[in-house]
Amino acid sequence: FDEMTAVLTERGLLLRQGTIVDATLIAAPPSTTNRTKSRDPDMKQTRKGQKLTDEQCRINRLTSGFRSKVEHVFRVVKRQFGYTKTRYRGLYKNSQQIFCQLTLANIYMMRAHLACPEG
């Protein structure tokens, strides 16, 4: 990892900070209650094909450029590597597994740049 980090940094291809969030819509049962039998106040429900407000459309247009860069990484991890589901094996092991997947996705996406000699 250290060597790959050095190569990506040297070529100006390493992103040092940011936030990655993947929100894939899946079918789920309608129950949304927890132990206290109350709804999670942070939870939002959505439906594909819902009509968006003008404000939601404006925000989507402003953020779509940033979002597409992140979505491309998830496409590589999910489609190229087949990593669509995971089983909980402990926070450390799961974190290391996704860290490796995202590192490999970055290498995969930058393969053309990494193959070229500097210059």
PDB file of N, CA and C in Angstrom:
ATOM      1  N   PHE A   1       0.815  -1.193   0.000  1.00  0.00           N
ATOM      2  CA  PHE A   1       0.000   0.000   0.000  1.00  0.00           C
ATOM      3  C   PHE A   1       0.862   1.262   0.000  1.00  0.00           C
ATOM      4  N   ASP A   2       1.941   1.205   0.780  1.00  0.00           N
ATOM      5  CA  ASP A   2       2.810   2.381   0.855  1.00  0.00           C
ATOM      6  C   ASP A   2       3.438   2.693  -0.495  1.00  0.00           C
ATOM      7  N   GLU A   3       3.860   1.663  -1.210  1.00  0.00           N
ATOM      8  CA  GLU A   3       4.462   1.876  -2.526  1.00  0.00           C
ATOM      9  C   GLU A   3       3.433   2.411  -3.517  1.00  0.00           C
ATOM     10  N   MET A   4       2.213   1.861  -3.474  1.00  0.00           N
ATOM     11  CA  MET A   4       1.162   2.337  -4.380  1.00  0.00           C
ATOM     12  C   MET A   4       0.792   3.780  -4.043  1.00  0.00           C
ATOM     13  N   THR A   5       0.735   4.100  -2.764  1.00  0.00           N
ATOM     14  CA  THR A   5       0.454   5.471  -2.344  1.00  0.00           C
ATOM     15  C   THR A   5       1.527   6.422  -2.854  1.00  0.00           C
ATOM     16  N   ALA A   6       2.781   5.999  -2.777  1.00  0.00           N
ATOM     17  CA  ALA A   6       3.882   6.835  -3.257  1.00  0.00           C
ATOM     18  C   ALA A   6       3.774   7.075  -4.762  1.00  0.00           C
ATOM     19  N   VAL A   7       3.453   6.032  -5.525  1.00  0.00           N
ATOM     20  CA  VAL A   7       3.319   6.165  -6.983  1.00  0.00           C
ATOM     21  C   VAL A   7       2.167   7.099  -7.334  1.00  0.00           C
ATOM     22  N   LEU A   8       1.010   6.901  -6.695  1.00  0.00           N
ATOM     23  CA  LEU A   8      -0.149   7.758  -6.985  1.00  0.00           C
ATOM     24  C   LEU A   8       0.102   9.204  -6.571  1.00  0.00           C
ATOM     25  N   THR A   9       0.776   9.414  -5.431  1.00  0.00           N
ATOM     26  CA  THR A   9       1.094  10.768  -4.985  1.00  0.00           C
ATOM     27  C   THR A   9       2.063  11.438  -5.949  1.00  0.00           C
ATOM     28  N   GLU A  10       3.072  10.706  -6.362  1.00  0.00           N
ATOM     29  CA  GLU A  10       4.081  11.227  -7.300  1.00  0.00           C
ATOM     30  C   GLU A  10       3.447  11.706  -8.605  1.00  0.00           C
ATOM     31  N   ARG A  11       2.434  10.999  -9.059  1.00  0.00           N
ATOM     32  CA  ARG A  11       1.775  11.351 -10.326  1.00  0.00           C
ATOM     33  C   ARG A  11       0.568  12.267 -10.143  1.00  0.00           C
ATOM     34  N   GLY A  12       0.326  12.679  -8.904  1.00  0.00           N
ATOM     35  CA  GLY A  12      -0.778  13.604  -8.640  1.00  0.00           C
ATOM     36  C   GLY A  12      -2.148  12.976  -8.798  1.00  0.00           C
ATOM     37  N   LEU A  13      -2.258  11.673  -8.535  1.00  0.00           N
ATOM     38  CA  LEU A  13      -3.525  10.967  -8.739  1.00  0.00           C
ATOM     39  C   LEU A  13      -4.189  10.529  -7.440  1.00  0.00           C
ATOM     40  N   LEU A  14      -3.620  10.910  -6.300  1.00  0.00           N
ATOM     41  CA  LEU A  14      -4.132  10.440  -5.018  1.00  0.00           C
ATOM     42  C   LEU A  14      -5.005  11.502  -4.367  1.00  0.00           C
ATOM     43  N   LEU A  15      -6.227  11.115  -4.015  1.00  0.00           N
ATOM     44  CA  LEU A  15      -7.140  11.984  -3.287  1.00  0.00           C
ATOM     45  C   LEU A  15      -6.901  11.733  -1.809  1.00  0.00           C
ATOM     46  N   ARG A  16      -6.578  12.776  -1.075  1.00  0.00           N
ATOM     47  CA  ARG A  16      -6.202  12.627   0.332  1.00  0.00           C
ATOM     48  C   ARG A  16      -7.377  12.665   1.297  1.00  0.00           C
ATOM     49  N   GLN A  17      -8.479  13.294   0.929  1.00  0.00           N
ATOM     50  CA  GLN A  17      -9.601  13.364   1.847  1.00  0.00           C
ATOM     51  C   GLN A  17     -10.910  13.421   1.081  1.00  0.00           C
ATOM     52  N   GLY A  18     -11.973  13.068   1.757  1.00  0.00           N
ATOM     53  CA  GLY A  18     -13.286  13.079   1.145  1.00  0.00           C
ATOM     54  C   GLY A  18     -14.206  12.129   1.881  1.00  0.00           C
ATOM     55  N   THR A  19     -15.418  12.033   1.416  1.00  0.00           N
ATOM     56  CA  THR A  19     -16.415  11.156   2.019  1.00  0.00           C
ATOM     57  C   THR A  19     -17.023  10.306   0.921  1.00  0.00           C
ATOM     58  N   ILE A  20     -17.151   9.018   1.191  1.00  0.00           N
ATOM     59  CA  ILE A  20     -17.762   8.116   0.228  1.00  0.00           C
ATOM     60  C   ILE A  20     -19.033   7.554   0.845  1.00  0.00           C
ATOM     61  N   VAL A  21     -20.117   7.667   0.126  1.00  0.00           N
ATOM     62  CA  VAL A  21     -21.396   7.129   0.577  1.00  0.00           C
ATOM     63  C   VAL A  21     -22.020   6.405  -0.600  1.00  0.00           C
ATOM     64  N   ASP A  22     -22.489   5.191  -0.374  1.00  0.00           N
ATOM     65  CA  ASP A  22     -23.181   4.445  -1.410  1.00  0.00           C
ATOM     66  C   ASP A  22     -24.604   4.218  -0.936  1.00  0.00           C
ATOM     67  N   ALA A  23     -25.562   4.638  -1.725  1.00  0.00           N
ATOM     68  CA  ALA A  23     -26.962   4.486  -1.362  1.00  0.00           C
ATOM     69  C   ALA A  23     -27.666   3.733  -2.475  1.00  0.00           C
ATOM     70  N   THR A  24     -27.621   2.423  -2.408  1.00  0.00           N
ATOM     71  CA  THR A  24     -28.291   1.594  -3.396  1.00  0.00           C
ATOM     72  C   THR A  24     -29.698   1.297  -2.899  1.00  0.00           C
ATOM     73  N   LEU A  25     -30.696   1.510  -3.747  1.00  0.00           N
ATOM     74  CA  LEU A  25     -32.074   1.211  -3.365  1.00  0.00           C
ATOM     75  C   LEU A  25     -32.302  -0.289  -3.435  1.00  0.00           C
ATOM     76  N   ILE A  26     -32.828  -0.847  -2.351  1.00  0.00           N
ATOM     77  CA  ILE A  26     -33.122  -2.274  -2.308  1.00  0.00           C
ATOM     78  C   ILE A  26     -34.546  -2.470  -1.792  1.00  0.00           C
ATOM     79  N   ALA A  27     -35.102  -3.613  -2.103  1.00  0.00           N
ATOM     80  CA  ALA A  27     -36.420  -3.943  -1.569  1.00  0.00           C
ATOM     81  C   ALA A  27     -36.262  -4.280  -0.091  1.00  0.00           C
ATOM     82  N   ALA A  28     -37.152  -3.765   0.742  1.00  0.00           N
ATOM     83  CA  ALA A  28     -37.083  -4.010   2.175  1.00  0.00           C
ATOM     84  C   ALA A  28     -38.497  -4.075   2.735  1.00  0.00           C
ATOM     85  N   PRO A  29     -38.660  -4.781   3.833  1.00  0.00           N
ATOM     86  CA  PRO A  29     -39.992  -4.838   4.430  1.00  0.00           C
ATOM     87  C   PRO A  29     -40.420  -3.460   4.926  1.00  0.00           C
ATOM     88  N   PRO A  30     -41.736  -3.209   4.985  1.00  0.00           N
ATOM     89  CA  PRO A  30     -42.229  -1.891   5.357  1.00  0.00           C
ATOM     90  C   PRO A  30     -41.976  -1.524   6.817  1.00  0.00           C
ATOM     91  N   SER A  31     -41.693  -2.489   7.682  1.00  0.00           N
ATOM     92  CA  SER A  31     -41.484  -2.192   9.096  1.00  0.00           C
ATOM     93  C   SER A  31     -40.210  -1.373   9.282  1.00  0.00           C
ATOM     94  N   THR A  32     -40.315  -0.286  10.004  1.00  0.00           N
ATOM     95  CA  THR A  32     -39.160   0.583  10.240  1.00  0.00           C
ATOM     96  C   THR A  32     -39.001   0.872  11.725  1.00  0.00           C
ATOM     97  N   THR A  33     -39.487  -0.002  12.572  1.00  0.00           N
ATOM     98  CA  THR A  33     -39.433   0.252  14.006  1.00  0.00           C
ATOM     99  C   THR A  33     -38.166  -0.337  14.607  1.00  0.00           C
ATOM    100  N   ASN A  34     -37.763   0.222  15.733  1.00  0.00           N
ATOM    101  CA  ASN A  34     -36.597  -0.269  16.458  1.00  0.00           C
ATOM    102  C   ASN A  34     -37.041  -0.839  17.795  1.00  0.00           C
ATOM    103  N   ARG A  35     -36.093  -1.020  18.723  1.00  0.00           N
ATOM    104  CA  ARG A  35     -36.432  -1.628  20.009  1.00  0.00           C
ATOM    105  C   ARG A  35     -37.469  -0.828  20.792  1.00  0.00           C
ATOM    106  N   THR A  36     -37.441   0.475  20.628  1.00  0.00           N
ATOM    107  CA  THR A  36     -38.395   1.319  21.355  1.00  0.00           C
ATOM    108  C   THR A  36     -39.714   1.455  20.616  1.00  0.00           C
ATOM    109  N   LYS A  37     -39.857   0.728  19.516  1.00  0.00           N
ATOM    110  CA  LYS A  37     -41.079   0.736  18.700  1.00  0.00           C
ATOM    111  C   LYS A  37     -41.371   2.119  18.124  1.00  0.00           C
ATOM    112  N   SER A  38     -40.330   2.894  17.875  1.00  0.00           N
ATOM    113  CA  SER A  38     -40.510   4.207  17.270  1.00  0.00           C
ATOM    114  C   SER A  38     -39.689   4.290  15.987  1.00  0.00           C
ATOM    115  N   ARG A  39     -40.081   5.172  15.110  1.00  0.00           N
ATOM    116  CA  ARG A  39     -39.370   5.330  13.842  1.00  0.00           C
ATOM    117  C   ARG A  39     -38.060   6.075  14.046  1.00  0.00           C
ATOM    118  N   ASP A  40     -37.076   5.731  13.245  1.00  0.00           N
ATOM    119  CA  ASP A  40     -35.788   6.406  13.272  1.00  0.00           C
ATOM    120  C   ASP A  40     -35.978   7.808  12.694  1.00  0.00           C
ATOM    121  N   PRO A  41     -35.679   8.866  13.447  1.00  0.00           N
ATOM    122  CA  PRO A  41     -35.921  10.222  12.939  1.00  0.00           C
ATOM    123  C   PRO A  41     -35.022  10.601  11.755  1.00  0.00           C
ATOM    124  N   ASP A  42     -33.870   9.937  11.614  1.00  0.00           N
ATOM    125  CA  ASP A  42     -32.961  10.243  10.505  1.00  0.00           C
ATOM    126  C   ASP A  42     -33.295   9.466   9.237  1.00  0.00           C
ATOM    127  N   MET A  43     -34.186   8.488   9.340  1.00  0.00           N
ATOM    128  CA  MET A  43     -34.509   7.641   8.196  1.00  0.00           C
ATOM    129  C   MET A  43     -35.402   8.381   7.210  1.00  0.00           C
ATOM    130  N   LYS A  44     -35.113   8.195   5.953  1.00  0.00           N
ATOM    131  CA  LYS A  44     -35.949   8.761   4.888  1.00  0.00           C
ATOM    132  C   LYS A  44     -36.384   7.620   3.978  1.00  0.00           C
ATOM    133  N   GLN A  45     -37.573   7.702   3.457  1.00  0.00           N
ATOM    134  CA  GLN A  45     -38.039   6.708   2.507  1.00  0.00           C
ATOM    135  C   GLN A  45     -38.067   7.334   1.125  1.00  0.00           C
ATOM    136  N   THR A  46     -37.853   6.519   0.124  1.00  0.00           N
ATOM    137  CA  THR A  46     -37.872   7.020  -1.242  1.00  0.00           C
ATOM    138  C   THR A  46     -38.468   5.961  -2.155  1.00  0.00           C
ATOM    139  N   ARG A  47     -38.808   6.380  -3.328  1.00  0.00           N
ATOM    140  CA  ARG A  47     -39.372   5.465  -4.325  1.00  0.00           C
ATOM    141  C   ARG A  47     -38.802   5.889  -5.665  1.00  0.00           C
ATOM    142  N   LYS A  48     -38.403   4.905  -6.474  1.00  0.00           N
ATOM    143  CA  LYS A  48     -37.889   5.227  -7.795  1.00  0.00           C
ATOM    144  C   LYS A  48     -38.983   5.898  -8.620  1.00  0.00           C
ATOM    145  N   GLY A  49     -38.615   6.911  -9.390  1.00  0.00           N
ATOM    146  CA  GLY A  49     -39.565   7.583 -10.267  1.00  0.00           C
ATOM    147  C   GLY A  49     -40.404   8.650  -9.578  1.00  0.00           C
ATOM    148  N   GLN A  50     -40.086   8.958  -8.284  1.00  0.00           N
ATOM    149  CA  GLN A  50     -40.814  10.040  -7.596  1.00  0.00           C
ATOM    150  C   GLN A  50     -40.594  11.339  -8.297  1.00  0.00           C
ATOM    151  N   LYS A  51     -41.620  12.299  -8.348  1.00  0.00           N
ATOM    152  CA  LYS A  51     -41.496  13.645  -8.914  1.00  0.00           C
ATOM    153  C   LYS A  51     -40.701  14.503  -7.939  1.00  0.00           C
ATOM    154  N   LEU A  52     -39.602  15.153  -8.438  1.00  0.00           N
ATOM    155  CA  LEU A  52     -38.765  15.987  -7.596  1.00  0.00           C
ATOM    156  C   LEU A  52     -39.227  17.437  -7.633  1.00  0.00           C
ATOM    157  N   THR A  53     -38.996  18.127  -6.524  1.00  0.00           N
ATOM    158  CA  THR A  53     -39.304  19.557  -6.481  1.00  0.00           C
ATOM    159  C   THR A  53     -38.232  20.305  -7.273  1.00  0.00           C
ATOM    160  N   ASP A  54     -38.504  21.569  -7.584  1.00  0.00           N
ATOM    161  CA  ASP A  54     -37.522  22.389  -8.298  1.00  0.00           C
ATOM    162  C   ASP A  54     -36.239  22.527  -7.490  1.00  0.00           C
ATOM    163  N   GLU A  55     -36.365  22.650  -6.185  1.00  0.00           N
ATOM    164  CA  GLU A  55     -35.183  22.764  -5.318  1.00  0.00           C
ATOM    165  C   GLU A  55     -34.355  21.480  -5.350  1.00  0.00           C
ATOM    166  N   GLN A  56     -35.005  20.314  -5.297  1.00  0.00           N
ATOM    167  CA  GLN A  56     -34.290  19.037  -5.372  1.00  0.00           C
ATOM    168  C   GLN A  56     -33.581  18.883  -6.714  1.00  0.00           C
ATOM    169  N   CYS A  57     -34.218  19.300  -7.803  1.00  0.00           N
ATOM    170  CA  CYS A  57     -33.595  19.234  -9.132  1.00  0.00           C
ATOM    171  C   CYS A  57     -32.373  20.137  -9.196  1.00  0.00           C
ATOM    172  N   ARG A  58     -32.478  21.331  -8.613  1.00  0.00           N
ATOM    173  CA  ARG A  58     -31.351  22.271  -8.618  1.00  0.00           C
ATOM    174  C   ARG A  58     -30.166  21.712  -7.839  1.00  0.00           C
ATOM    175  N   ILE A  59     -30.437  21.148  -6.667  1.00  0.00           N
ATOM    176  CA  ILE A  59     -29.372  20.557  -5.849  1.00  0.00           C
ATOM    177  C   ILE A  59     -28.745  19.374  -6.571  1.00  0.00           C
ATOM    178  N   ASN A  60     -29.562  18.539  -7.208  1.00  0.00           N
ATOM    179  CA  ASN A  60     -29.031  17.395  -7.967  1.00  0.00           C
ATOM    180  C   ASN A  60     -28.110  17.840  -9.092  1.00  0.00           C
ATOM    181  N   ARG A  61     -28.486  18.902  -9.796  1.00  0.00           N
ATOM    182  CA  ARG A  61     -27.635  19.407 -10.883  1.00  0.00           C
ATOM    183  C   ARG A  61     -26.307  19.919 -10.349  1.00  0.00           C
ATOM    184  N   LEU A  62     -26.332  20.583  -9.190  1.00  0.00           N
ATOM    185  CA  LEU A  62     -25.110  21.139  -8.616  1.00  0.00           C
ATOM    186  C   LEU A  62     -24.152  20.053  -8.128  1.00  0.00           C
ATOM    187  N   THR A  63     -24.695  18.963  -7.605  1.00  0.00           N
ATOM    188  CA  THR A  63     -23.842  17.923  -7.018  1.00  0.00           C
ATOM    189  C   THR A  63     -23.563  16.747  -7.941  1.00  0.00           C
ATOM    190  N   SER A  64     -24.192  16.695  -9.105  1.00  0.00           N
ATOM    191  CA  SER A  64     -24.057  15.514  -9.961  1.00  0.00           C
ATOM    192  C   SER A  64     -22.630  15.276 -10.447  1.00  0.00           C
ATOM    193  N   GLY A  65     -21.859  16.328 -10.684  1.00  0.00           N
ATOM    194  CA  GLY A  65     -20.477  16.161 -11.134  1.00  0.00           C
ATOM    195  C   GLY A  65     -19.611  15.474 -10.096  1.00  0.00           C
ATOM    196  N   PHE A  66     -19.777  15.872  -8.832  1.00  0.00           N
ATOM    197  CA  PHE A  66     -19.022  15.247  -7.748  1.00  0.00           C
ATOM    198  C   PHE A  66     -19.500  13.817  -7.517  1.00  0.00           C
ATOM    199  N   ARG A  67     -20.810  13.644  -7.551  1.00  0.00           N
ATOM    200  CA  ARG A  67     -21.401  12.332  -7.280  1.00  0.00           C
ATOM    201  C   ARG A  67     -20.984  11.316  -8.330  1.00  0.00           C
ATOM    202  N   SER A  68     -20.869  11.733  -9.592  1.00  0.00           N
ATOM    203  CA  SER A  68     -20.528  10.787 -10.653  1.00  0.00           C
ATOM    204  C   SER A  68     -19.124  10.224 -10.476  1.00  0.00           C
ATOM    205  N   LYS A  69     -18.208  11.022  -9.947  1.00  0.00           N
ATOM    206  CA  LYS A  69     -16.843  10.538  -9.713  1.00  0.00           C
ATOM    207  C   LYS A  69     -16.827   9.429  -8.663  1.00  0.00           C
ATOM    208  N   VAL A  70     -17.623   9.607  -7.611  1.00  0.00           N
ATOM    209  CA  VAL A  70     -17.704   8.596  -6.559  1.00  0.00           C
ATOM    210  C   VAL A  70     -18.451   7.364  -7.055  1.00  0.00           C
ATOM    211  N   GLU A  71     -19.526   7.573  -7.794  1.00  0.00           N
ATOM    212  CA  GLU A  71     -20.311   6.448  -8.302  1.00  0.00           C
ATOM    213  C   GLU A  71     -19.481   5.549  -9.213  1.00  0.00           C
ATOM    214  N   HIS A  72     -18.545   6.126  -9.937  1.00  0.00           N
ATOM    215  CA  HIS A  72     -17.705   5.322 -10.831  1.00  0.00           C
ATOM    216  C   HIS A  72     -16.860   4.328 -10.028  1.00  0.00           C
ATOM    217  N   VAL A  73     -16.351   4.763  -8.883  1.00  0.00           N
ATOM    218  CA  VAL A  73     -15.575   3.868  -8.015  1.00  0.00           C
ATOM    219  C   VAL A  73     -16.453   2.704  -7.560  1.00  0.00           C
ATOM    220  N   PHE A  74     -17.682   2.998  -7.142  1.00  0.00           N
ATOM    221  CA  PHE A  74     -18.579   1.930  -6.694  1.00  0.00           C
ATOM    222  C   PHE A  74     -18.957   0.992  -7.838  1.00  0.00           C
ATOM    223  N   ARG A  75     -19.080   1.516  -9.054  1.00  0.00           N
ATOM    224  CA  ARG A  75     -19.372   0.646 -10.188  1.00  0.00           C
ATOM    225  C   ARG A  75     -18.246  -0.353 -10.399  1.00  0.00           C
ATOM    226  N   VAL A  76     -17.018   0.103 -10.293  1.00  0.00           N
ATOM    227  CA  VAL A  76     -15.878  -0.802 -10.458  1.00  0.00           C
ATOM    228  C   VAL A  76     -15.885  -1.866  -9.367  1.00  0.00           C
ATOM    229  N   VAL A  77     -16.082  -1.454  -8.118  1.00  0.00           N
ATOM    230  CA  VAL A  77     -16.077  -2.408  -7.006  1.00  0.00           C
ATOM    231  C   VAL A  77     -17.223  -3.410  -7.138  1.00  0.00           C
ATOM    232  N   LYS A  78     -18.410  -2.932  -7.518  1.00  0.00           N
ATOM    233  CA  LYS A  78     -19.568  -3.821  -7.597  1.00  0.00           C
ATOM    234  C   LYS A  78     -19.587  -4.667  -8.857  1.00  0.00           C
ATOM    235  N   ARG A  79     -19.315  -4.071 -10.010  1.00  0.00           N
ATOM    236  CA  ARG A  79     -19.469  -4.792 -11.278  1.00  0.00           C
ATOM    237  C   ARG A  79     -18.197  -5.501 -11.736  1.00  0.00           C
ATOM    238  N   GLN A  80     -17.059  -4.825 -11.643  1.00  0.00           N
ATOM    239  CA  GLN A  80     -15.820  -5.442 -12.095  1.00  0.00           C
ATOM    240  C   GLN A  80     -15.340  -6.501 -11.109  1.00  0.00           C
ATOM    241  N   PHE A  81     -15.454  -6.199  -9.797  1.00  0.00           N
ATOM    242  CA  PHE A  81     -14.947  -7.107  -8.776  1.00  0.00           C
ATOM    243  C   PHE A  81     -16.031  -7.989  -8.164  1.00  0.00           C
ATOM    244  N   GLY A  82     -17.306  -7.710  -8.459  1.00  0.00           N
ATOM    245  CA  GLY A  82     -18.399  -8.535  -7.940  1.00  0.00           C
ATOM    246  C   GLY A  82     -18.645  -8.374  -6.450  1.00  0.00           C
ATOM    247  N   TYR A  83     -18.232  -7.276  -5.863  1.00  0.00           N
ATOM    248  CA  TYR A  83     -18.382  -7.044  -4.423  1.00  0.00           C
ATOM    249  C   TYR A  83     -19.692  -6.311  -4.174  1.00  0.00           C
ATOM    250  N   THR A  84     -20.800  -7.059  -4.127  1.00  0.00           N
ATOM    251  CA  THR A  84     -22.108  -6.438  -3.942  1.00  0.00           C
ATOM    252  C   THR A  84     -22.695  -6.684  -2.558  1.00  0.00           C
ATOM    253  N   LYS A  85     -22.237  -7.720  -1.886  1.00  0.00           N
ATOM    254  CA  LYS A  85     -22.726  -8.025  -0.538  1.00  0.00           C
ATOM    255  C   LYS A  85     -21.534  -8.371   0.337  1.00  0.00           C
ATOM    256  N   THR A  86     -21.693  -8.148   1.630  1.00  0.00           N
ATOM    257  CA  THR A  86     -20.643  -8.530   2.567  1.00  0.00           C
ATOM    258  C   THR A  86     -21.280  -9.125   3.812  1.00  0.00           C
ATOM    259  N   ARG A  87     -20.510  -9.926   4.490  1.00  0.00           N
ATOM    260  CA  ARG A  87     -20.960 -10.509   5.751  1.00  0.00           C
ATOM    261  C   ARG A  87     -20.133  -9.873   6.860  1.00  0.00           C
ATOM    262  N   TYR A  88     -20.762  -9.524   7.947  1.00  0.00           N
ATOM    263  CA  TYR A  88     -20.053  -8.869   9.039  1.00  0.00           C
ATOM    264  C   TYR A  88     -19.068  -9.836   9.675  1.00  0.00           C
ATOM    265  N   ARG A  89     -17.802  -9.443   9.658  1.00  0.00           N
ATOM    266  CA  ARG A  89     -16.737 -10.262  10.243  1.00  0.00           C
ATOM    267  C   ARG A  89     -15.976  -9.472  11.303  1.00  0.00           C
ATOM    268  N   GLY A  90     -16.570  -8.413  11.762  1.00  0.00           N
ATOM    269  CA  GLY A  90     -15.903  -7.516  12.699  1.00  0.00           C
ATOM    270  C   GLY A  90     -15.570  -6.228  11.974  1.00  0.00           C
ATOM    271  N   LEU A  91     -15.611  -5.133  12.689  1.00  0.00           N
ATOM    272  CA  LEU A  91     -15.403  -3.830  12.082  1.00  0.00           C
ATOM    273  C   LEU A  91     -14.027  -3.715  11.442  1.00  0.00           C
ATOM    274  N   TYR A  92     -12.998  -4.209  12.119  1.00  0.00           N
ATOM    275  CA  TYR A  92     -11.643  -4.107  11.578  1.00  0.00           C
ATOM    276  C   TYR A  92     -11.498  -4.890  10.271  1.00  0.00           C
ATOM    277  N   LYS A  93     -11.950  -6.137  10.260  1.00  0.00           N
ATOM    278  CA  LYS A  93     -11.816  -6.970   9.054  1.00  0.00           C
ATOM    279  C   LYS A  93     -12.636  -6.403   7.898  1.00  0.00           C
ATOM    280  N   ASN A  94     -13.862  -5.974   8.165  1.00  0.00           N
ATOM    281  CA  ASN A  94     -14.681  -5.394   7.107  1.00  0.00           C
ATOM    282  C   ASN A  94     -14.069  -4.091   6.581  1.00  0.00           C
ATOM    283  N   SER A  95     -13.532  -3.281   7.485  1.00  0.00           N
ATOM    284  CA  SER A  95     -12.884  -2.035   7.059  1.00  0.00           C
ATOM    285  C   SER A  95     -11.683  -2.318   6.174  1.00  0.00           C
ATOM    286  N   GLN A  96     -10.876  -3.294   6.561  1.00  0.00           N
ATOM    287  CA  GLN A  96      -9.698  -3.646   5.762  1.00  0.00           C
ATOM    288  C   GLN A  96     -10.100  -4.204   4.399  1.00  0.00           C
ATOM    289  N   GLN A  97     -11.170  -4.993   4.369  1.00  0.00           N
ATOM    290  CA  GLN A  97     -11.622  -5.565   3.105  1.00  0.00           C
ATOM    291  C   GLN A  97     -12.088  -4.478   2.137  1.00  0.00           C
ATOM    292  N   ILE A  98     -12.891  -3.538   2.614  1.00  0.00           N
ATOM    293  CA  ILE A  98     -13.366  -2.473   1.724  1.00  0.00           C
ATOM    294  C   ILE A  98     -12.234  -1.525   1.363  1.00  0.00           C
ATOM    295  N   PHE A  99     -11.285  -1.313   2.292  1.00  0.00           N
ATOM    296  CA  PHE A  99     -10.115  -0.491   1.991  1.00  0.00           C
ATOM    297  C   PHE A  99      -9.329  -1.107   0.828  1.00  0.00           C
ATOM    298  N   CYS A 100      -9.138  -2.419   0.867  1.00  0.00           N
ATOM    299  CA  CYS A 100      -8.433  -3.111  -0.231  1.00  0.00           C
ATOM    300  C   CYS A 100      -9.227  -3.012  -1.533  1.00  0.00           C
ATOM    301  N   GLN A 101     -10.539  -3.195  -1.469  1.00  0.00           N
ATOM    302  CA  GLN A 101     -11.378  -3.107  -2.664  1.00  0.00           C
ATOM    303  C   GLN A 101     -11.285  -1.719  -3.298  1.00  0.00           C
ATOM    304  N   LEU A 102     -11.354  -0.677  -2.483  1.00  0.00           N
ATOM    305  CA  LEU A 102     -11.300   0.688  -3.011  1.00  0.00           C
ATOM    306  C   LEU A 102      -9.907   1.029  -3.544  1.00  0.00           C
ATOM    307  N   THR A 103      -8.866   0.511  -2.892  1.00  0.00           N
ATOM    308  CA  THR A 103      -7.507   0.713  -3.404  1.00  0.00           C
ATOM    309  C   THR A 103      -7.349   0.052  -4.769  1.00  0.00           C
ATOM    310  N   LEU A 104      -7.822  -1.178  -4.885  1.00  0.00           N
ATOM    311  CA  LEU A 104      -7.746  -1.878  -6.171  1.00  0.00           C
ATOM    312  C   LEU A 104      -8.587  -1.187  -7.240  1.00  0.00           C
ATOM    313  N   ALA A 105      -9.743  -0.639  -6.844  1.00  0.00           N
ATOM    314  CA  ALA A 105     -10.579   0.088  -7.808  1.00  0.00           C
ATOM    315  C   ALA A 105      -9.848   1.323  -8.322  1.00  0.00           C
ATOM    316  N   ASN A 106      -9.138   2.028  -7.437  1.00  0.00           N
ATOM    317  CA  ASN A 106      -8.365   3.196  -7.869  1.00  0.00           C
ATOM    318  C   ASN A 106      -7.249   2.793  -8.825  1.00  0.00           C
ATOM    319  N   ILE A 107      -6.575   1.695  -8.518  1.00  0.00           N
ATOM    320  CA  ILE A 107      -5.521   1.213  -9.417  1.00  0.00           C
ATOM    321  C   ILE A 107      -6.126   0.818 -10.759  1.00  0.00           C
ATOM    322  N   TYR A 108      -7.267   0.131 -10.732  1.00  0.00           N
ATOM    323  CA  TYR A 108      -7.937  -0.290 -11.962  1.00  0.00           C
ATOM    324  C   TYR A 108      -8.314   0.914 -12.816  1.00  0.00           C
ATOM    325  N   MET A 109      -8.865   1.951 -12.169  1.00  0.00           N
ATOM    326  CA  MET A 109      -9.305   3.127 -12.922  1.00  0.00           C
ATOM    327  C   MET A 109      -8.131   3.955 -13.441  1.00  0.00           C
ATOM    328  N   MET A 110      -7.001   3.887 -12.772  1.00  0.00           N
ATOM    329  CA  MET A 110      -5.829   4.670 -13.176  1.00  0.00           C
ATOM    330  C   MET A 110      -4.815   3.829 -13.952  1.00  0.00           C
ATOM    331  N   ARG A 111      -5.209   2.622 -14.371  1.00  0.00           N
ATOM    332  CA  ARG A 111      -4.265   1.713 -15.014  1.00  0.00           C
ATOM    333  C   ARG A 111      -3.606   2.301 -16.248  1.00  0.00           C
ATOM    334  N   ALA A 112      -4.327   3.084 -17.025  1.00  0.00           N
ATOM    335  CA  ALA A 112      -3.749   3.677 -18.232  1.00  0.00           C
ATOM    336  C   ALA A 112      -2.691   4.730 -17.860  1.00  0.00           C
ATOM    337  N   HIS A 113      -2.972   5.519 -16.817  1.00  0.00           N
ATOM    338  CA  HIS A 113      -2.017   6.532 -16.368  1.00  0.00           C
ATOM    339  C   HIS A 113      -0.788   5.892 -15.737  1.00  0.00           C
ATOM    340  N   LEU A 114      -1.006   4.793 -15.004  1.00  0.00           N
ATOM    341  CA  LEU A 114       0.106   4.129 -14.325  1.00  0.00           C
ATOM    342  C   LEU A 114       1.004   3.377 -15.292  1.00  0.00           C
ATOM    343  N   ALA A 115       0.443   2.914 -16.417  1.00  0.00           N
ATOM    344  CA  ALA A 115       1.213   2.164 -17.404  1.00  0.00           C
ATOM    345  C   ALA A 115       2.127   3.060 -18.229  1.00  0.00           C
ATOM    346  N   CYS A 116       1.747   4.327 -18.367  1.00  0.00           N
ATOM    347  CA  CYS A 116       2.542   5.268 -19.179  1.00  0.00           C
ATOM    348  C   CYS A 116       3.760   5.728 -18.386  1.00  0.00           C
ATOM    349  N   PRO A 117       4.898   5.838 -19.050  1.00  0.00           N
ATOM    350  CA  PRO A 117       6.054   6.413 -18.360  1.00  0.00           C
ATOM    351  C   PRO A 117       5.797   7.882 -18.075  1.00  0.00           C
ATOM    352  N   GLU A 118       6.451   8.383 -17.056  1.00  0.00           N
ATOM    353  CA  GLU A 118       6.255   9.806 -16.705  1.00  0.00           C
ATOM    354  C   GLU A 118       6.703  10.693 -17.841  1.00  0.00           C
ATOM    355  N   GLY A 119       6.011  11.826 -17.939  1.00  0.00           N
ATOM    356  CA  GLY A 119       6.434  12.760 -18.967  1.00  0.00           C
ATOM    357  C   GLY A 119       5.336  13.458 -19.643  1.00  0.00           C
TER     358      GLY A 119
END
